[in-house]
Every structure is written in C-alpha cells, then in structure tokens.
Amino acid sequence: MNIRKRKAISPLIATLLLIAIAVAASVLTYSWVMSMVGSQSAQAQTQVRIDSVSWVSDTEMKLMIRNTGSVSTSIETVAIRVNKAGTSFTTVTGTGNPNSLDIGVAKEFDFDAGVSLELSTSYVIRVTATTGFYYELVATTPSDL
C-alpha cells in the first residue's frame, strides 16, 4: 500500500535532466575531438627535410636541414642507423647548434655520432621535429675521411 503514496519525478524534470546530460556529453565530446584535430593539424603543417650530408670525420657529420612546412618548428632528435633490416637508431648529439627552424629556412647542424662510422657504408639518418614528424635520408659514408 505504501507504493501508491510514492511519486516519481515529474516528466518535466526528467526531460530537463536528459537534456542537461546530453548537452554535457556533447560539450565533452566536442572538446576531445577539437584537441585531437589541433594536434594532428600542427603535425600536418610541420615538415623538415635533410638537404645535404657532409661527413667531417668518421664520427662527425654536418646536416643541412630545411623547414619546408607552414609553421616554425624545432628539431627534437637526430638519429642514425646502418641501412640494414633489424638495426636500431642511435641518437646523435648536436654541438652548439640552435635547434629551431623558421618557415622556409635551412640551417647547418653539426652532429657527433658518438661511435666510429664504417667507411663506404650506407646509413639511415632520421630527423624528428618536436611535433613527432620525422624525415629519413639514406646517405653513404665516403671511402676515405
């Protein structure tokens, strides 16, 4: 008999609650999607490439890196590996070069591989921007240094 005395929420309040929940969910979804689009857009506009490689010694190289994208960027890492299946990249260290690149600008960067590179050997050089975009170039060390 007590069941009949209880009242449920009114249809008007139930409708308002459903609308509020739907609006909150759509705002959260919108903000999540826009953050994803924004980060992917920045990565899509970032492009760098290696114009040239000069071997200074069996451990050092000079790279001419150009920003061909539509936004300024910074070089996060430069890595090198032997051009063979199953080899892994080793990060090389820059010596005294600023790592930022303005739009359309090419800069020369000096790098030390940290180990002696084999002569007349093909290497893959990977330049990675701070947005995650990377560019790879295959270069062969000269037969004499």
C-alpha atoms as a PDB file:
ATOM      1  CA  MET A   1       0.000   0.000   0.000  1.00  0.00           C
ATOM      2  CA  ASN A   2       2.954   2.358   0.554  1.00  0.00           C
ATOM      3  CA  ILE A   3       3.927   2.056  -3.068  1.00  0.00           C
ATOM      4  CA  ARG A   4       0.961   4.116  -4.238  1.00  0.00           C
ATOM      5  CA  LYS A   5       1.835   7.020  -1.993  1.00  0.00           C
ATOM      6  CA  ARG A   6       5.325   7.465  -3.518  1.00  0.00           C
ATOM      7  CA  LYS A   7       5.593   9.749  -6.509  1.00  0.00           C
ATOM      8  CA  ALA A   8       8.164   9.572  -9.304  1.00  0.00           C
ATOM      9  CA  ILE A   9       9.912  12.634 -10.672  1.00  0.00           C
ATOM     10  CA  SER A  10       7.750  14.661 -12.941  1.00  0.00           C
ATOM     11  CA  PRO A  11       8.085  14.247 -16.704  1.00  0.00           C
ATOM     12  CA  LEU A  12       9.232  17.873 -16.985  1.00  0.00           C
ATOM     13  CA  ILE A  13      12.174  17.379 -14.592  1.00  0.00           C
ATOM     14  CA  ALA A  14      13.084  14.073 -16.280  1.00  0.00           C
ATOM     15  CA  THR A  15      13.168  15.816 -19.667  1.00  0.00           C
ATOM     16  CA  LEU A  16      15.339  18.638 -18.301  1.00  0.00           C
ATOM     17  CA  LEU A  17      17.774  16.134 -16.763  1.00  0.00           C
ATOM     18  CA  LEU A  18      18.082  14.234 -20.055  1.00  0.00           C
ATOM     19  CA  ILE A  19      18.730  17.469 -21.959  1.00  0.00           C
ATOM     20  CA  ALA A  20      21.387  18.545 -19.433  1.00  0.00           C
ATOM     21  CA  ILE A  21      23.129  15.152 -19.680  1.00  0.00           C
ATOM     22  CA  ALA A  22      23.055  15.282 -23.498  1.00  0.00           C
ATOM     23  CA  VAL A  23      24.487  18.827 -23.571  1.00  0.00           C
ATOM     24  CA  ALA A  24      27.275  17.917 -21.121  1.00  0.00           C
ATOM     25  CA  ALA A  25      28.184  14.820 -23.152  1.00  0.00           C
ATOM     26  CA  SER A  26      28.258  16.793 -26.403  1.00  0.00           C
ATOM     27  CA  VAL A  27      30.497  19.506 -24.862  1.00  0.00           C
ATOM     28  CA  LEU A  28      32.954  16.859 -23.616  1.00  0.00           C
ATOM     29  CA  THR A  29      32.969  15.109 -26.991  1.00  0.00           C
ATOM     30  CA  TYR A  30      33.488  18.409 -28.837  1.00  0.00           C
ATOM     31  CA  SER A  31      36.449  19.416 -26.660  1.00  0.00           C
ATOM     32  CA  TRP A  32      38.058  15.982 -27.030  1.00  0.00           C
ATOM     33  CA  VAL A  33      37.666  15.985 -30.842  1.00  0.00           C
ATOM     34  CA  MET A  34      38.994  19.543 -31.172  1.00  0.00           C
ATOM     35  CA  SER A  35      42.110  18.719 -29.134  1.00  0.00           C
ATOM     36  CA  MET A  36      42.779  15.733 -31.404  1.00  0.00           C
ATOM     37  CA  VAL A  37      42.271  17.798 -34.572  1.00  0.00           C
ATOM     38  CA  GLY A  38      44.501  20.587 -33.254  1.00  0.00           C
ATOM     39  CA  SER A  39      47.449  18.323 -32.509  1.00  0.00           C
ATOM     40  CA  GLN A  40      47.147  16.497 -35.838  1.00  0.00           C
ATOM     41  CA  SER A  41      46.872  19.805 -37.693  1.00  0.00           C
ATOM     42  CA  ALA A  42      50.125  21.066 -36.164  1.00  0.00           C
ATOM     43  CA  GLN A  43      51.864  17.841 -37.113  1.00  0.00           C
ATOM     44  CA  ALA A  44      50.499  18.023 -40.672  1.00  0.00           C
ATOM     45  CA  GLN A  45      51.865  21.564 -41.078  1.00  0.00           C
ATOM     46  CA  THR A  46      55.324  20.589 -39.778  1.00  0.00           C
ATOM     47  CA  GLN A  47      57.723  19.316 -42.415  1.00  0.00           C
ATOM     48  CA  VAL A  48      61.505  19.203 -42.352  1.00  0.00           C
ATOM     49  CA  ARG A  49      63.944  17.629 -44.761  1.00  0.00           C
ATOM     50  CA  ILE A  50      67.646  16.987 -44.988  1.00  0.00           C
ATOM     51  CA  ASP A  51      69.101  18.854 -47.970  1.00  0.00           C
ATOM     52  CA  SER A  52      72.643  17.525 -47.650  1.00  0.00           C
ATOM     53  CA  VAL A  53      75.005  15.458 -45.534  1.00  0.00           C
ATOM     54  CA  SER A  54      78.720  16.249 -45.234  1.00  0.00           C
ATOM     55  CA  TRP A  55      80.997  13.814 -43.434  1.00  0.00           C
ATOM     56  CA  VAL A  56      83.603  15.687 -41.377  1.00  0.00           C
ATOM     57  CA  SER A  57      85.253  12.626 -39.842  1.00  0.00           C
ATOM     58  CA  ASP A  58      84.382   9.019 -39.107  1.00  0.00           C
ATOM     59  CA  THR A  59      82.258  10.199 -36.146  1.00  0.00           C
ATOM     60  CA  GLU A  60      81.068  13.674 -37.181  1.00  0.00           C
ATOM     61  CA  MET A  61      78.705  14.928 -39.855  1.00  0.00           C
ATOM     62  CA  LYS A  62      77.114  18.209 -40.922  1.00  0.00           C
ATOM     63  CA  LEU A  63      73.457  18.191 -41.914  1.00  0.00           C
ATOM     64  CA  MET A  64      71.711  20.945 -43.855  1.00  0.00           C
ATOM     65  CA  ILE A  65      68.134  20.744 -42.536  1.00  0.00           C
ATOM     66  CA  ARG A  66      65.325  22.783 -44.136  1.00  0.00           C
ATOM     67  CA  ASN A  67      61.871  23.598 -42.775  1.00  0.00           C
ATOM     68  CA  THR A  68      59.508  23.067 -45.727  1.00  0.00           C
ATOM     69  CA  GLY A  69      56.346  23.225 -43.615  1.00  0.00           C
ATOM     70  CA  SER A  70      53.986  26.109 -42.967  1.00  0.00           C
ATOM     71  CA  VAL A  71      54.865  26.571 -39.265  1.00  0.00           C
ATOM     72  CA  SER A  72      58.096  27.149 -37.375  1.00  0.00           C
ATOM     73  CA  THR A  73      59.419  24.044 -35.685  1.00  0.00           C
ATOM     74  CA  SER A  74      62.260  22.721 -33.585  1.00  0.00           C
ATOM     75  CA  ILE A  75      64.419  19.674 -34.143  1.00  0.00           C
ATOM     76  CA  GLU A  76      63.901  17.244 -31.272  1.00  0.00           C
ATOM     77  CA  THR A  77      66.291  14.455 -32.205  1.00  0.00           C
ATOM     78  CA  VAL A  78      68.624  13.285 -34.931  1.00  0.00           C
ATOM     79  CA  ALA A  79      69.312   9.567 -35.074  1.00  0.00           C
ATOM     80  CA  ILE A  80      71.391   7.283 -37.272  1.00  0.00           C
ATOM     81  CA  ARG A  81      71.431   3.563 -38.027  1.00  0.00           C
ATOM     82  CA  VAL A  82      73.057   1.228 -40.516  1.00  0.00           C
ATOM     83  CA  ASN A  83      70.816   0.727 -43.550  1.00  0.00           C
ATOM     84  CA  LYS A  84      70.098  -2.943 -42.803  1.00  0.00           C
ATOM     85  CA  ALA A  85      66.962  -4.701 -41.637  1.00  0.00           C
ATOM     86  CA  GLY A  86      66.846  -5.261 -37.907  1.00  0.00           C
ATOM     87  CA  THR A  87      69.158  -2.396 -36.928  1.00  0.00           C
ATOM     88  CA  SER A  88      68.024   0.252 -34.465  1.00  0.00           C
ATOM     89  CA  PHE A  89      68.508   4.017 -34.369  1.00  0.00           C
ATOM     90  CA  THR A  90      71.100   5.664 -32.151  1.00  0.00           C
ATOM     91  CA  THR A  91      70.516   9.299 -31.191  1.00  0.00           C
ATOM     92  CA  VAL A  92      73.372  11.570 -32.207  1.00  0.00           C
ATOM     93  CA  THR A  93      74.218  14.722 -30.293  1.00  0.00           C
ATOM     94  CA  GLY A  94      74.385  18.208 -31.755  1.00  0.00           C
ATOM     95  CA  THR A  95      77.283  20.501 -30.963  1.00  0.00           C
ATOM     96  CA  GLY A  96      76.404  24.122 -30.286  1.00  0.00           C
ATOM     97  CA  ASN A  97      73.569  24.495 -32.782  1.00  0.00           C
ATOM     98  CA  PRO A  98      70.188  26.058 -32.037  1.00  0.00           C
ATOM     99  CA  ASN A  99      67.517  23.553 -32.945  1.00  0.00           C
ATOM    100  CA  SER A 100      64.745  25.933 -34.055  1.00  0.00           C
ATOM    101  CA  LEU A 101      63.858  26.365 -37.721  1.00  0.00           C
ATOM    102  CA  ASP A 102      61.716  29.166 -39.115  1.00  0.00           C
ATOM    103  CA  ILE A 103      59.465  28.622 -42.140  1.00  0.00           C
ATOM    104  CA  GLY A 104      61.487  28.107 -45.346  1.00  0.00           C
ATOM    105  CA  VAL A 105      64.849  28.406 -43.574  1.00  0.00           C
ATOM    106  CA  ALA A 106      67.702  25.930 -43.931  1.00  0.00           C
ATOM    107  CA  LYS A 107      70.382  25.649 -41.239  1.00  0.00           C
ATOM    108  CA  GLU A 108      73.539  23.619 -40.951  1.00  0.00           C
ATOM    109  CA  PHE A 109      73.737  21.434 -37.866  1.00  0.00           C
ATOM    110  CA  ASP A 110      76.870  19.656 -36.583  1.00  0.00           C
ATOM    111  CA  PHE A 111      76.441  16.188 -35.114  1.00  0.00           C
ATOM    112  CA  ASP A 112      78.652  13.637 -33.418  1.00  0.00           C
ATOM    113  CA  ALA A 113      77.578  10.010 -33.842  1.00  0.00           C
ATOM    114  CA  GLY A 114      79.421   9.033 -30.665  1.00  0.00           C
ATOM    115  CA  VAL A 115      80.873   5.959 -32.362  1.00  0.00           C
ATOM    116  CA  SER A 116      83.147   5.437 -35.324  1.00  0.00           C
ATOM    117  CA  LEU A 117      81.114   5.001 -38.504  1.00  0.00           C
ATOM    118  CA  GLU A 118      82.237   2.460 -41.067  1.00  0.00           C
ATOM    119  CA  LEU A 119      83.567   3.851 -44.344  1.00  0.00           C
ATOM    120  CA  SER A 120      81.645   3.205 -47.581  1.00  0.00           C
ATOM    121  CA  THR A 121      78.597   2.138 -45.567  1.00  0.00           C
ATOM    122  CA  SER A 122      75.007   3.178 -46.113  1.00  0.00           C
ATOM    123  CA  TYR A 123      73.292   4.825 -43.117  1.00  0.00           C
ATOM    124  CA  VAL A 124      69.729   5.996 -42.490  1.00  0.00           C
ATOM    125  CA  ILE A 125      69.601   9.429 -40.861  1.00  0.00           C
ATOM    126  CA  ARG A 126      66.324  10.408 -39.159  1.00  0.00           C
ATOM    127  CA  VAL A 127      65.461  13.976 -38.141  1.00  0.00           C
ATOM    128  CA  THR A 128      62.451  14.264 -35.795  1.00  0.00           C
ATOM    129  CA  ALA A 129      60.611  17.529 -35.110  1.00  0.00           C
ATOM    130  CA  THR A 130      59.011  18.302 -31.746  1.00  0.00           C
ATOM    131  CA  THR A 131      55.557  17.533 -33.209  1.00  0.00           C
ATOM    132  CA  GLY A 132      56.581  13.954 -33.986  1.00  0.00           C
ATOM    133  CA  PHE A 133      57.022  14.447 -37.744  1.00  0.00           C
ATOM    134  CA  TYR A 134      60.200  12.790 -38.980  1.00  0.00           C
ATOM    135  CA  TYR A 135      62.191  12.694 -42.201  1.00  0.00           C
ATOM    136  CA  GLU A 136      64.656   9.983 -43.181  1.00  0.00           C
ATOM    137  CA  LEU A 137      67.505  10.111 -45.658  1.00  0.00           C
ATOM    138  CA  VAL A 138      69.856   7.337 -46.716  1.00  0.00           C
ATOM    139  CA  ALA A 139      73.463   8.501 -47.041  1.00  0.00           C
ATOM    140  CA  THR A 140      76.694   6.625 -47.618  1.00  0.00           C
ATOM    141  CA  THR A 141      79.911   7.479 -45.828  1.00  0.00           C
ATOM    142  CA  PRO A 142      82.813   8.197 -48.164  1.00  0.00           C
ATOM    143  CA  SER A 143      85.541   5.636 -48.744  1.00  0.00           C
ATOM    144  CA  ASP A 144      88.135   7.904 -47.127  1.00  0.00           C
ATOM    145  CA  LEU A 145      87.901  10.593 -44.444  1.00  0.00           C
END
